[in-house]
């Protein structure tokens, strides 16, 4: 029997996507599902759906810093706010797409998340990206050779368009059985759905 797939739409620049990503291994083991890692350009999603960055509202931005720290403590995972936020992550997300062919998209995405939100590294810098790719045993030049190709660029655009067409308006968003679950703080609803539909 084919395992149920959860489509995980994320932008590496989203701290809440990082937090959600730290929980996905547990969800897959508890529910025997697979994760399809689908990077999307969050700015394009916001524009298409008429949404805005949370940090536009100053009190909300100040609260968000406390909220992120609380969630990290709740999950027992490291977290530090990126000193470069917001950071352009399109090239890093193209590398995640390039890693799909070898089955390492999820592993690389998680490593990039950790680099940005645990180690405060600049994942818009190609040299740092090369080091990070090598750290998990992948060949940097092989991946970098593909990230400016039409195929990889088009796939990132396609994931973004797909997310918009499915009603995604922010990150992280998870879609399973046609149901959208938005936000790191709604993973319990996702798990309740998986338990009910198992």
N, C-alpha and C. Protein backbone atom coordinates (compact mmCIF):
# COMPACT_ATOMS: atom_id res chain seq x y z
N UNK A 1 0.84 -1.19 0.00
CA UNK A 1 0.00 0.00 0.00
C UNK A 1 0.88 1.25 0.00
N UNK A 2 0.52 2.22 -0.84
CA UNK A 2 1.31 3.44 -0.94
C UNK A 2 1.10 4.31 0.30
N UNK A 3 2.20 4.83 0.82
CA UNK A 3 2.11 5.68 2.01
C UNK A 3 1.51 7.04 1.65
N UNK A 4 0.75 7.58 2.56
CA UNK A 4 0.13 8.89 2.35
C UNK A 4 1.21 9.97 2.31
N UNK A 5 1.02 10.95 1.44
CA UNK A 5 2.01 12.02 1.29
C UNK A 5 1.49 13.33 1.85
N UNK A 6 2.35 14.00 2.61
CA UNK A 6 2.09 15.37 3.08
C UNK A 6 2.95 16.31 2.27
N UNK A 7 2.33 17.27 1.61
CA UNK A 7 3.08 18.29 0.87
C UNK A 7 3.42 19.42 1.84
N UNK A 8 4.71 19.64 2.05
CA UNK A 8 5.21 20.65 3.00
C UNK A 8 5.72 21.84 2.20
N UNK A 9 4.94 22.93 2.21
CA UNK A 9 5.31 24.15 1.49
C UNK A 9 6.01 25.08 2.48
N UNK A 10 7.21 25.50 2.11
CA UNK A 10 8.02 26.29 3.04
C UNK A 10 8.92 27.25 2.29
N UNK A 11 9.37 28.25 3.01
CA UNK A 11 10.45 29.12 2.56
C UNK A 11 11.51 29.05 3.64
N UNK A 12 12.76 28.85 3.26
CA UNK A 12 13.84 28.73 4.24
C UNK A 12 13.97 29.99 5.10
N UNK A 13 13.47 31.13 4.60
CA UNK A 13 13.56 32.38 5.35
C UNK A 13 12.50 32.48 6.43
N UNK A 14 11.63 31.49 6.53
CA UNK A 14 10.53 31.52 7.51
C UNK A 14 10.92 30.78 8.79
N UNK A 15 11.02 31.48 9.92
CA UNK A 15 11.40 30.79 11.16
C UNK A 15 10.36 29.78 11.61
N UNK A 16 9.09 30.06 11.33
CA UNK A 16 8.06 29.09 11.71
C UNK A 16 8.14 27.83 10.84
N UNK A 17 8.60 27.98 9.60
CA UNK A 17 8.84 26.80 8.77
C UNK A 17 9.95 25.95 9.37
N UNK A 18 10.99 26.60 9.87
CA UNK A 18 12.07 25.87 10.55
C UNK A 18 11.51 25.06 11.72
N UNK A 19 10.71 25.72 12.56
CA UNK A 19 10.16 25.03 13.72
C UNK A 19 9.31 23.83 13.30
N UNK A 20 8.46 24.02 12.30
CA UNK A 20 7.64 22.91 11.82
C UNK A 20 8.51 21.77 11.29
N UNK A 21 9.57 22.13 10.57
CA UNK A 21 10.45 21.12 9.98
C UNK A 21 11.09 20.24 11.05
N UNK A 22 11.33 20.81 12.24
CA UNK A 22 11.95 20.00 13.31
C UNK A 22 11.01 18.92 13.81
N UNK A 23 9.72 19.03 13.50
CA UNK A 23 8.73 18.08 14.00
C UNK A 23 8.31 17.03 12.97
N UNK A 24 8.76 17.17 11.75
CA UNK A 24 8.24 16.31 10.69
C UNK A 24 8.70 14.86 10.82
N UNK A 25 9.91 14.63 11.28
CA UNK A 25 10.38 13.25 11.45
C UNK A 25 9.48 12.51 12.45
N UNK A 26 9.09 13.19 13.52
CA UNK A 26 8.21 12.57 14.49
C UNK A 26 6.85 12.25 13.90
N UNK A 27 6.33 13.17 13.09
CA UNK A 27 5.03 12.95 12.46
C UNK A 27 5.08 11.76 11.50
N UNK A 28 6.15 11.68 10.72
CA UNK A 28 6.25 10.56 9.77
C UNK A 28 6.36 9.23 10.48
N UNK A 29 7.05 9.18 11.60
CA UNK A 29 7.20 7.91 12.33
C UNK A 29 5.91 7.52 13.04
N UNK A 30 5.16 8.49 13.52
CA UNK A 30 3.92 8.18 14.25
C UNK A 30 2.78 7.78 13.31
N UNK A 31 2.83 8.27 12.07
CA UNK A 31 1.68 8.10 11.18
C UNK A 31 2.02 7.38 9.87
N UNK A 32 3.23 6.95 9.68
CA UNK A 32 3.63 6.22 8.48
C UNK A 32 3.25 6.98 7.21
N UNK A 33 3.68 8.24 7.16
CA UNK A 33 3.46 9.08 5.99
C UNK A 33 4.81 9.53 5.44
N UNK A 34 4.80 10.08 4.25
CA UNK A 34 6.01 10.64 3.67
C UNK A 34 5.82 12.14 3.48
N UNK A 35 6.93 12.86 3.53
CA UNK A 35 6.90 14.31 3.34
C UNK A 35 7.46 14.65 1.96
N UNK A 36 6.71 15.43 1.22
CA UNK A 36 7.21 16.01 -0.03
C UNK A 36 7.64 17.44 0.28
N UNK A 37 8.94 17.67 0.24
CA UNK A 37 9.50 18.99 0.58
C UNK A 37 9.36 19.90 -0.63
N UNK A 38 8.54 20.94 -0.51
CA UNK A 38 8.23 21.81 -1.65
C UNK A 38 8.53 23.27 -1.31
N UNK A 39 9.76 23.69 -1.60
CA UNK A 39 10.10 25.10 -1.36
C UNK A 39 9.26 26.01 -2.25
N UNK A 40 8.90 27.15 -1.70
CA UNK A 40 8.13 28.14 -2.45
C UNK A 40 8.67 29.53 -2.13
N UNK A 41 8.43 30.47 -3.01
CA UNK A 41 8.88 31.84 -2.79
C UNK A 41 7.78 32.55 -2.01
N UNK A 42 8.00 32.75 -0.73
CA UNK A 42 6.96 33.27 0.14
C UNK A 42 6.51 34.67 -0.28
N UNK A 43 7.43 35.49 -0.74
CA UNK A 43 7.05 36.84 -1.17
C UNK A 43 6.05 36.79 -2.32
N UNK A 44 6.25 35.83 -3.22
CA UNK A 44 5.32 35.68 -4.35
C UNK A 44 3.96 35.20 -3.87
N UNK A 45 3.95 34.31 -2.88
CA UNK A 45 2.69 33.83 -2.30
C UNK A 45 1.95 34.99 -1.63
N UNK A 46 2.67 35.77 -0.84
CA UNK A 46 2.05 36.93 -0.18
C UNK A 46 1.43 37.87 -1.22
N UNK A 47 2.18 38.15 -2.27
CA UNK A 47 1.69 39.08 -3.29
C UNK A 47 0.44 38.54 -3.96
N UNK A 48 0.47 37.26 -4.30
CA UNK A 48 -0.67 36.66 -5.01
C UNK A 48 -1.92 36.60 -4.14
N UNK A 49 -1.73 36.39 -2.84
CA UNK A 49 -2.88 36.19 -1.95
C UNK A 49 -3.26 37.44 -1.17
N UNK A 50 -2.52 38.53 -1.37
CA UNK A 50 -2.84 39.77 -0.66
C UNK A 50 -2.45 39.76 0.80
N UNK A 51 -1.47 38.92 1.15
CA UNK A 51 -1.00 38.81 2.52
C UNK A 51 0.21 39.72 2.70
N UNK A 52 0.63 39.93 3.94
CA UNK A 52 1.78 40.78 4.23
C UNK A 52 2.68 40.08 5.24
N UNK A 53 3.93 40.50 5.27
CA UNK A 53 4.87 39.97 6.27
C UNK A 53 4.39 40.32 7.68
N UNK A 54 4.47 39.39 8.62
CA UNK A 54 4.07 39.69 10.00
C UNK A 54 4.84 40.87 10.59
N UNK A 55 6.11 41.02 10.19
CA UNK A 55 6.95 42.06 10.77
C UNK A 55 6.51 43.46 10.36
N UNK A 56 5.57 43.57 9.43
CA UNK A 56 5.07 44.89 9.03
C UNK A 56 4.41 45.58 10.22
N UNK A 57 3.78 44.79 11.07
CA UNK A 57 3.15 45.31 12.29
C UNK A 57 4.18 45.22 13.43
N UNK A 58 4.66 46.37 13.90
CA UNK A 58 5.76 46.39 14.86
C UNK A 58 5.44 45.62 16.15
N UNK A 59 4.29 45.84 16.78
CA UNK A 59 4.00 45.05 17.99
C UNK A 59 3.95 43.55 17.71
N UNK A 60 3.43 43.18 16.54
CA UNK A 60 3.38 41.76 16.20
C UNK A 60 4.79 41.21 15.99
N UNK A 61 5.67 41.99 15.37
CA UNK A 61 7.05 41.56 15.17
C UNK A 61 7.75 41.36 16.51
N UNK A 62 7.50 42.26 17.45
CA UNK A 62 8.12 42.14 18.77
C UNK A 62 7.59 40.90 19.50
N UNK A 63 6.30 40.66 19.36
CA UNK A 63 5.71 39.47 19.98
C UNK A 63 6.26 38.20 19.33
N UNK A 64 6.43 38.25 18.01
CA UNK A 64 6.88 37.07 17.26
C UNK A 64 8.21 36.55 17.80
N UNK A 65 9.11 37.44 18.18
CA UNK A 65 10.40 37.01 18.72
C UNK A 65 10.21 36.18 19.99
N UNK A 66 9.32 36.61 20.85
CA UNK A 66 9.04 35.84 22.07
C UNK A 66 8.34 34.53 21.73
N UNK A 67 7.42 34.58 20.78
CA UNK A 67 6.67 33.39 20.39
C UNK A 67 7.59 32.33 19.82
N UNK A 68 8.51 32.73 18.97
CA UNK A 68 9.46 31.79 18.38
C UNK A 68 10.31 31.11 19.46
N UNK A 69 10.77 31.92 20.42
CA UNK A 69 11.58 31.36 21.51
C UNK A 69 10.76 30.38 22.35
N UNK A 70 9.49 30.69 22.57
CA UNK A 70 8.63 29.80 23.34
C UNK A 70 8.42 28.47 22.62
N UNK A 71 8.18 28.54 21.30
CA UNK A 71 7.97 27.30 20.55
C UNK A 71 9.23 26.46 20.51
N UNK A 72 10.39 27.10 20.34
CA UNK A 72 11.65 26.35 20.33
C UNK A 72 11.86 25.65 21.67
N UNK A 73 11.56 26.35 22.75
CA UNK A 73 11.68 25.75 24.08
C UNK A 73 10.68 24.60 24.24
N UNK A 74 9.47 24.79 23.74
CA UNK A 74 8.44 23.75 23.82
C UNK A 74 8.88 22.48 23.09
N UNK A 75 9.49 22.66 21.91
CA UNK A 75 9.96 21.52 21.13
C UNK A 75 11.30 20.98 21.62
N UNK A 76 12.02 21.76 22.40
CA UNK A 76 13.35 21.35 22.84
C UNK A 76 14.37 21.40 21.72
N UNK A 77 14.25 22.44 20.85
CA UNK A 77 15.18 22.58 19.73
C UNK A 77 15.90 23.92 19.83
N UNK A 78 17.12 23.99 19.29
CA UNK A 78 17.84 25.27 19.31
C UNK A 78 17.16 26.29 18.41
N UNK A 79 17.30 27.55 18.75
CA UNK A 79 16.79 28.62 17.89
C UNK A 79 17.48 29.93 18.24
N UNK A 80 17.90 30.65 17.22
CA UNK A 80 18.30 32.04 17.40
C UNK A 80 17.83 32.81 16.17
N UNK A 81 17.31 34.00 16.41
CA UNK A 81 16.81 34.81 15.31
C UNK A 81 17.97 35.17 14.40
N UNK A 82 17.78 35.00 13.11
CA UNK A 82 18.82 35.34 12.14
C UNK A 82 19.15 36.82 12.21
N UNK A 83 20.43 37.12 12.30
CA UNK A 83 20.86 38.53 12.34
C UNK A 83 20.73 39.18 10.97
N UNK A 84 20.39 38.38 9.95
CA UNK A 84 20.27 38.89 8.58
C UNK A 84 18.83 38.88 8.08
N UNK A 85 17.90 38.59 8.96
CA UNK A 85 16.49 38.48 8.57
C UNK A 85 15.94 39.83 8.12
N UNK A 86 15.18 39.87 7.02
CA UNK A 86 14.87 38.77 6.10
C UNK A 86 16.01 38.54 5.11
N UNK A 87 16.24 37.30 4.79
CA UNK A 87 17.38 36.91 3.95
C UNK A 87 16.87 36.27 2.67
N UNK A 88 17.43 36.65 1.50
CA UNK A 88 17.01 36.00 0.26
C UNK A 88 17.50 34.55 0.22
N UNK A 89 16.59 33.62 0.01
CA UNK A 89 16.93 32.20 0.11
C UNK A 89 16.64 31.44 -1.18
N UNK A 90 16.42 32.16 -2.27
CA UNK A 90 16.02 31.49 -3.51
C UNK A 90 17.08 30.51 -4.00
N UNK A 91 18.36 30.88 -3.93
CA UNK A 91 19.40 29.96 -4.41
C UNK A 91 19.49 28.72 -3.52
N UNK A 92 19.33 28.90 -2.23
CA UNK A 92 19.33 27.75 -1.33
C UNK A 92 18.15 26.84 -1.63
N UNK A 93 17.00 27.42 -1.92
CA UNK A 93 15.83 26.60 -2.21
C UNK A 93 15.97 25.91 -3.56
N UNK A 94 16.65 26.52 -4.50
CA UNK A 94 16.93 25.83 -5.76
C UNK A 94 17.84 24.63 -5.52
N UNK A 95 18.77 24.75 -4.59
CA UNK A 95 19.64 23.62 -4.26
C UNK A 95 18.82 22.47 -3.67
N UNK A 96 17.83 22.79 -2.86
CA UNK A 96 16.95 21.76 -2.32
C UNK A 96 16.26 21.03 -3.46
N UNK A 97 15.79 21.78 -4.44
CA UNK A 97 15.14 21.16 -5.60
C UNK A 97 16.14 20.32 -6.38
N UNK A 98 17.35 20.82 -6.54
CA UNK A 98 18.38 20.06 -7.26
C UNK A 98 18.69 18.74 -6.56
N UNK A 99 18.53 18.72 -5.23
CA UNK A 99 18.82 17.52 -4.45
C UNK A 99 17.69 16.50 -4.50
N UNK A 100 16.56 16.85 -5.10
CA UNK A 100 15.45 15.90 -5.21
C UNK A 100 15.85 14.65 -5.98
N UNK A 101 16.63 14.84 -7.03
CA UNK A 101 16.97 13.72 -7.91
C UNK A 101 17.67 12.59 -7.16
N UNK A 102 18.44 12.93 -6.13
CA UNK A 102 19.15 11.91 -5.37
C UNK A 102 18.41 11.53 -4.09
N UNK A 103 17.22 12.10 -3.89
CA UNK A 103 16.44 11.78 -2.70
C UNK A 103 16.89 12.48 -1.43
N UNK A 104 17.62 13.59 -1.58
CA UNK A 104 18.17 14.28 -0.42
C UNK A 104 17.56 15.66 -0.18
N UNK A 105 16.42 15.95 -0.80
CA UNK A 105 15.83 17.29 -0.66
C UNK A 105 15.51 17.61 0.80
N UNK A 106 14.86 16.68 1.48
CA UNK A 106 14.50 16.92 2.87
C UNK A 106 15.71 17.08 3.77
N UNK A 107 16.70 16.24 3.57
CA UNK A 107 17.92 16.31 4.38
C UNK A 107 18.61 17.65 4.19
N UNK A 108 18.69 18.11 2.94
CA UNK A 108 19.36 19.37 2.67
C UNK A 108 18.54 20.55 3.20
N UNK A 109 17.24 20.49 3.03
CA UNK A 109 16.39 21.57 3.54
C UNK A 109 16.56 21.71 5.05
N UNK A 110 16.54 20.59 5.77
CA UNK A 110 16.70 20.63 7.23
C UNK A 110 18.06 21.20 7.61
N UNK A 111 19.09 20.84 6.84
CA UNK A 111 20.43 21.34 7.14
C UNK A 111 20.51 22.85 6.90
N UNK A 112 19.87 23.33 5.85
CA UNK A 112 19.83 24.77 5.59
C UNK A 112 19.03 25.50 6.67
N UNK A 113 17.91 24.92 7.09
CA UNK A 113 17.14 25.51 8.19
C UNK A 113 18.01 25.65 9.43
N UNK A 114 18.72 24.59 9.77
CA UNK A 114 19.58 24.63 10.95
C UNK A 114 20.66 25.69 10.81
N UNK A 115 21.21 25.80 9.61
CA UNK A 115 22.27 26.78 9.38
C UNK A 115 21.78 28.20 9.63
N UNK A 116 20.56 28.48 9.18
CA UNK A 116 20.03 29.84 9.31
C UNK A 116 19.49 30.11 10.71
N UNK A 117 18.77 29.14 11.28
CA UNK A 117 18.01 29.41 12.50
C UNK A 117 18.64 28.83 13.77
N UNK A 118 19.73 28.09 13.62
CA UNK A 118 20.46 27.62 14.79
C UNK A 118 21.87 28.21 14.83
N UNK A 119 22.49 28.31 13.63
CA UNK A 119 23.90 28.73 13.56
C UNK A 119 24.07 30.16 13.07
N UNK A 120 22.98 30.81 12.68
CA UNK A 120 22.99 32.19 12.19
C UNK A 120 23.96 32.37 11.02
N UNK A 121 23.94 31.42 10.09
CA UNK A 121 24.79 31.53 8.91
C UNK A 121 24.04 32.21 7.77
N UNK A 122 24.80 32.79 6.86
CA UNK A 122 24.24 33.51 5.72
C UNK A 122 24.02 32.53 4.56
N UNK A 123 22.81 32.00 4.47
CA UNK A 123 22.56 31.01 3.43
C UNK A 123 22.19 31.65 2.08
N UNK A 124 22.46 32.95 1.96
CA UNK A 124 22.39 33.57 0.64
C UNK A 124 23.78 33.61 -0.02
N UNK A 125 24.79 33.20 0.74
CA UNK A 125 26.18 33.23 0.29
C UNK A 125 26.55 31.89 -0.33
N UNK A 126 26.97 31.90 -1.59
CA UNK A 126 27.26 30.65 -2.30
C UNK A 126 28.35 29.82 -1.64
N UNK A 127 29.37 30.47 -1.10
CA UNK A 127 30.45 29.71 -0.48
C UNK A 127 29.95 28.98 0.77
N UNK A 128 29.14 29.65 1.54
CA UNK A 128 28.56 29.00 2.72
C UNK A 128 27.65 27.86 2.29
N UNK A 129 26.87 28.07 1.25
CA UNK A 129 26.01 27.01 0.74
C UNK A 129 26.82 25.80 0.30
N UNK A 130 27.94 26.04 -0.37
CA UNK A 130 28.80 24.93 -0.80
C UNK A 130 29.30 24.14 0.42
N UNK A 131 29.70 24.85 1.46
CA UNK A 131 30.18 24.19 2.68
C UNK A 131 29.07 23.35 3.31
N UNK A 132 27.87 23.90 3.34
CA UNK A 132 26.75 23.20 3.96
C UNK A 132 26.37 21.95 3.17
N UNK A 133 26.38 22.05 1.86
CA UNK A 133 26.10 20.89 1.01
C UNK A 133 27.12 19.79 1.29
N UNK A 134 28.39 20.18 1.37
CA UNK A 134 29.45 19.20 1.61
C UNK A 134 29.34 18.57 3.00
N UNK A 135 28.84 19.34 3.97
CA UNK A 135 28.74 18.83 5.34
C UNK A 135 27.84 17.60 5.45
N UNK A 136 26.89 17.47 4.56
CA UNK A 136 26.01 16.28 4.63
C UNK A 136 26.37 15.25 3.57
N UNK A 137 27.56 15.41 2.99
CA UNK A 137 28.08 14.38 2.11
C UNK A 137 27.63 14.47 0.66
N UNK A 138 27.06 15.60 0.27
CA UNK A 138 26.67 15.79 -1.13
C UNK A 138 27.77 16.54 -1.87
N UNK A 139 27.74 16.48 -3.18
CA UNK A 139 28.76 17.10 -4.00
C UNK A 139 28.31 18.51 -4.40
N UNK A 140 28.93 19.55 -3.83
CA UNK A 140 28.47 20.91 -4.09
C UNK A 140 28.45 21.29 -5.57
N UNK A 141 29.51 20.99 -6.29
CA UNK A 141 29.58 21.46 -7.68
C UNK A 141 28.52 20.80 -8.55
N UNK A 142 28.19 19.56 -8.24
CA UNK A 142 27.16 18.86 -9.02
C UNK A 142 25.81 19.55 -8.85
N UNK A 143 25.50 19.96 -7.63
CA UNK A 143 24.24 20.65 -7.40
C UNK A 143 24.26 22.06 -7.96
N UNK A 144 25.37 22.76 -7.74
CA UNK A 144 25.46 24.14 -8.22
C UNK A 144 25.40 24.22 -9.74
N UNK A 145 25.80 23.15 -10.40
CA UNK A 145 25.76 23.14 -11.86
C UNK A 145 24.34 23.19 -12.41
N UNK A 146 23.36 22.89 -11.54
CA UNK A 146 21.98 22.80 -12.02
C UNK A 146 21.09 23.95 -11.56
N UNK A 147 21.51 24.74 -10.57
CA UNK A 147 20.54 25.65 -9.95
C UNK A 147 20.18 26.86 -10.81
N UNK A 148 20.96 27.12 -11.84
CA UNK A 148 20.60 28.22 -12.74
C UNK A 148 19.96 27.70 -14.03
N UNK A 149 19.65 26.41 -14.07
CA UNK A 149 19.01 25.85 -15.26
C UNK A 149 17.52 26.16 -15.24
N UNK A 150 16.93 26.15 -16.42
CA UNK A 150 15.50 26.42 -16.53
C UNK A 150 14.69 25.39 -15.76
N UNK A 151 15.14 24.14 -15.77
CA UNK A 151 14.39 23.08 -15.11
C UNK A 151 14.23 23.34 -13.61
N UNK A 152 15.31 23.73 -12.95
CA UNK A 152 15.26 23.98 -11.51
C UNK A 152 14.49 25.27 -11.21
N UNK A 153 14.77 26.32 -11.97
CA UNK A 153 14.04 27.58 -11.78
C UNK A 153 12.54 27.37 -11.98
N UNK A 154 12.20 26.63 -13.02
CA UNK A 154 10.79 26.39 -13.33
C UNK A 154 10.11 25.58 -12.24
N UNK A 155 10.85 24.65 -11.63
CA UNK A 155 10.23 23.82 -10.60
C UNK A 155 9.95 24.63 -9.34
N UNK A 156 10.84 25.54 -8.98
CA UNK A 156 10.57 26.42 -7.84
C UNK A 156 9.35 27.29 -8.13
N UNK A 157 9.27 27.79 -9.35
CA UNK A 157 8.10 28.58 -9.75
C UNK A 157 6.84 27.72 -9.73
N UNK A 158 6.98 26.47 -10.18
CA UNK A 158 5.82 25.57 -10.22
C UNK A 158 5.33 25.24 -8.81
N UNK A 159 6.25 25.00 -7.87
CA UNK A 159 5.84 24.73 -6.49
C UNK A 159 5.13 25.95 -5.90
N UNK A 160 5.65 27.14 -6.22
CA UNK A 160 5.03 28.37 -5.72
C UNK A 160 3.63 28.53 -6.29
N UNK A 161 3.50 28.33 -7.60
CA UNK A 161 2.18 28.43 -8.24
C UNK A 161 1.22 27.37 -7.71
N UNK A 162 1.75 26.18 -7.49
CA UNK A 162 0.92 25.09 -6.96
C UNK A 162 0.39 25.45 -5.58
N UNK A 163 1.28 26.00 -4.75
CA UNK A 163 0.87 26.40 -3.40
C UNK A 163 -0.25 27.44 -3.47
N UNK A 164 -0.08 28.43 -4.32
CA UNK A 164 -1.09 29.49 -4.46
C UNK A 164 -2.42 28.89 -4.91
N UNK A 165 -2.36 27.98 -5.87
CA UNK A 165 -3.59 27.37 -6.40
C UNK A 165 -4.31 26.52 -5.36
N UNK A 166 -3.57 26.07 -4.35
CA UNK A 166 -4.17 25.22 -3.30
C UNK A 166 -4.59 26.05 -2.08
N UNK A 167 -4.52 27.35 -2.21
CA UNK A 167 -4.99 28.23 -1.14
C UNK A 167 -3.96 28.57 -0.10
N UNK A 168 -2.70 28.23 -0.33
CA UNK A 168 -1.64 28.57 0.61
C UNK A 168 -1.45 30.08 0.62
N UNK A 169 -1.35 30.65 1.82
CA UNK A 169 -1.18 32.11 1.96
C UNK A 169 -0.02 32.48 2.85
N UNK A 170 0.65 31.48 3.44
CA UNK A 170 1.78 31.73 4.32
C UNK A 170 2.56 30.46 4.55
N UNK A 171 3.62 30.57 5.34
CA UNK A 171 4.49 29.43 5.60
C UNK A 171 4.69 29.25 7.10
N UNK A 172 4.75 27.97 7.53
CA UNK A 172 4.65 26.76 6.72
C UNK A 172 3.20 26.41 6.43
N UNK A 173 3.00 25.69 5.34
CA UNK A 173 1.69 25.15 5.01
C UNK A 173 1.86 23.68 4.64
N UNK A 174 0.97 22.86 5.14
CA UNK A 174 1.01 21.43 4.86
C UNK A 174 -0.33 21.02 4.28
N UNK A 175 -0.29 20.25 3.21
CA UNK A 175 -1.50 19.81 2.54
C UNK A 175 -1.51 18.29 2.46
N UNK A 176 -2.60 17.69 2.92
CA UNK A 176 -2.77 16.24 2.84
C UNK A 176 -4.25 15.96 2.65
N UNK A 177 -4.57 15.03 1.77
CA UNK A 177 -5.96 14.69 1.47
C UNK A 177 -6.77 15.91 1.05
N UNK A 178 -6.11 16.87 0.41
CA UNK A 178 -6.80 18.07 -0.02
C UNK A 178 -7.06 19.08 1.09
N UNK A 179 -6.60 18.77 2.31
CA UNK A 179 -6.81 19.66 3.46
C UNK A 179 -5.55 20.48 3.72
N UNK A 180 -5.74 21.78 3.94
CA UNK A 180 -4.64 22.69 4.22
C UNK A 180 -4.52 22.92 5.72
N UNK A 181 -3.30 22.78 6.22
CA UNK A 181 -2.99 23.09 7.61
C UNK A 181 -1.88 24.13 7.60
N UNK A 182 -2.21 25.35 8.05
CA UNK A 182 -1.23 26.43 8.02
C UNK A 182 -0.68 26.68 9.41
N UNK A 183 0.63 26.83 9.47
CA UNK A 183 1.26 27.28 10.70
C UNK A 183 1.87 26.17 11.54
N UNK A 184 3.00 26.48 12.12
CA UNK A 184 3.67 25.57 13.04
C UNK A 184 2.77 25.21 14.22
N UNK A 185 1.90 26.12 14.61
CA UNK A 185 1.07 25.90 15.80
C UNK A 185 -0.20 25.10 15.52
N UNK A 186 -0.32 24.55 14.31
CA UNK A 186 -1.50 23.75 13.99
C UNK A 186 -1.13 22.31 13.60
N UNK A 187 0.07 21.91 13.94
CA UNK A 187 0.50 20.55 13.62
C UNK A 187 -0.34 19.52 14.36
N UNK A 188 -0.88 19.87 15.52
CA UNK A 188 -1.72 18.92 16.24
C UNK A 188 -3.02 18.65 15.47
N UNK A 189 -3.52 19.66 14.74
CA UNK A 189 -4.69 19.42 13.90
C UNK A 189 -4.35 18.49 12.74
N UNK A 190 -3.16 18.67 12.18
CA UNK A 190 -2.69 17.78 11.12
C UNK A 190 -2.61 16.34 11.64
N UNK A 191 -2.05 16.16 12.82
CA UNK A 191 -1.93 14.80 13.37
C UNK A 191 -3.30 14.21 13.69
N UNK A 192 -4.22 15.03 14.15
CA UNK A 192 -5.57 14.53 14.42
C UNK A 192 -6.23 14.06 13.12
N UNK A 193 -6.00 14.79 12.04
CA UNK A 193 -6.53 14.39 10.74
C UNK A 193 -5.92 13.07 10.30
N UNK A 194 -4.61 12.93 10.47
CA UNK A 194 -3.94 11.69 10.06
C UNK A 194 -4.45 10.50 10.87
N UNK A 195 -4.68 10.70 12.15
CA UNK A 195 -5.19 9.61 12.98
C UNK A 195 -6.60 9.21 12.56
N UNK A 196 -7.40 10.21 12.20
CA UNK A 196 -8.79 9.96 11.83
C UNK A 196 -8.91 9.27 10.48
N UNK A 197 -7.97 9.55 9.58
CA UNK A 197 -8.07 9.03 8.22
C UNK A 197 -7.17 7.82 7.97
N UNK A 198 -6.49 7.36 9.01
CA UNK A 198 -5.57 6.21 8.85
C UNK A 198 -6.33 4.96 8.45
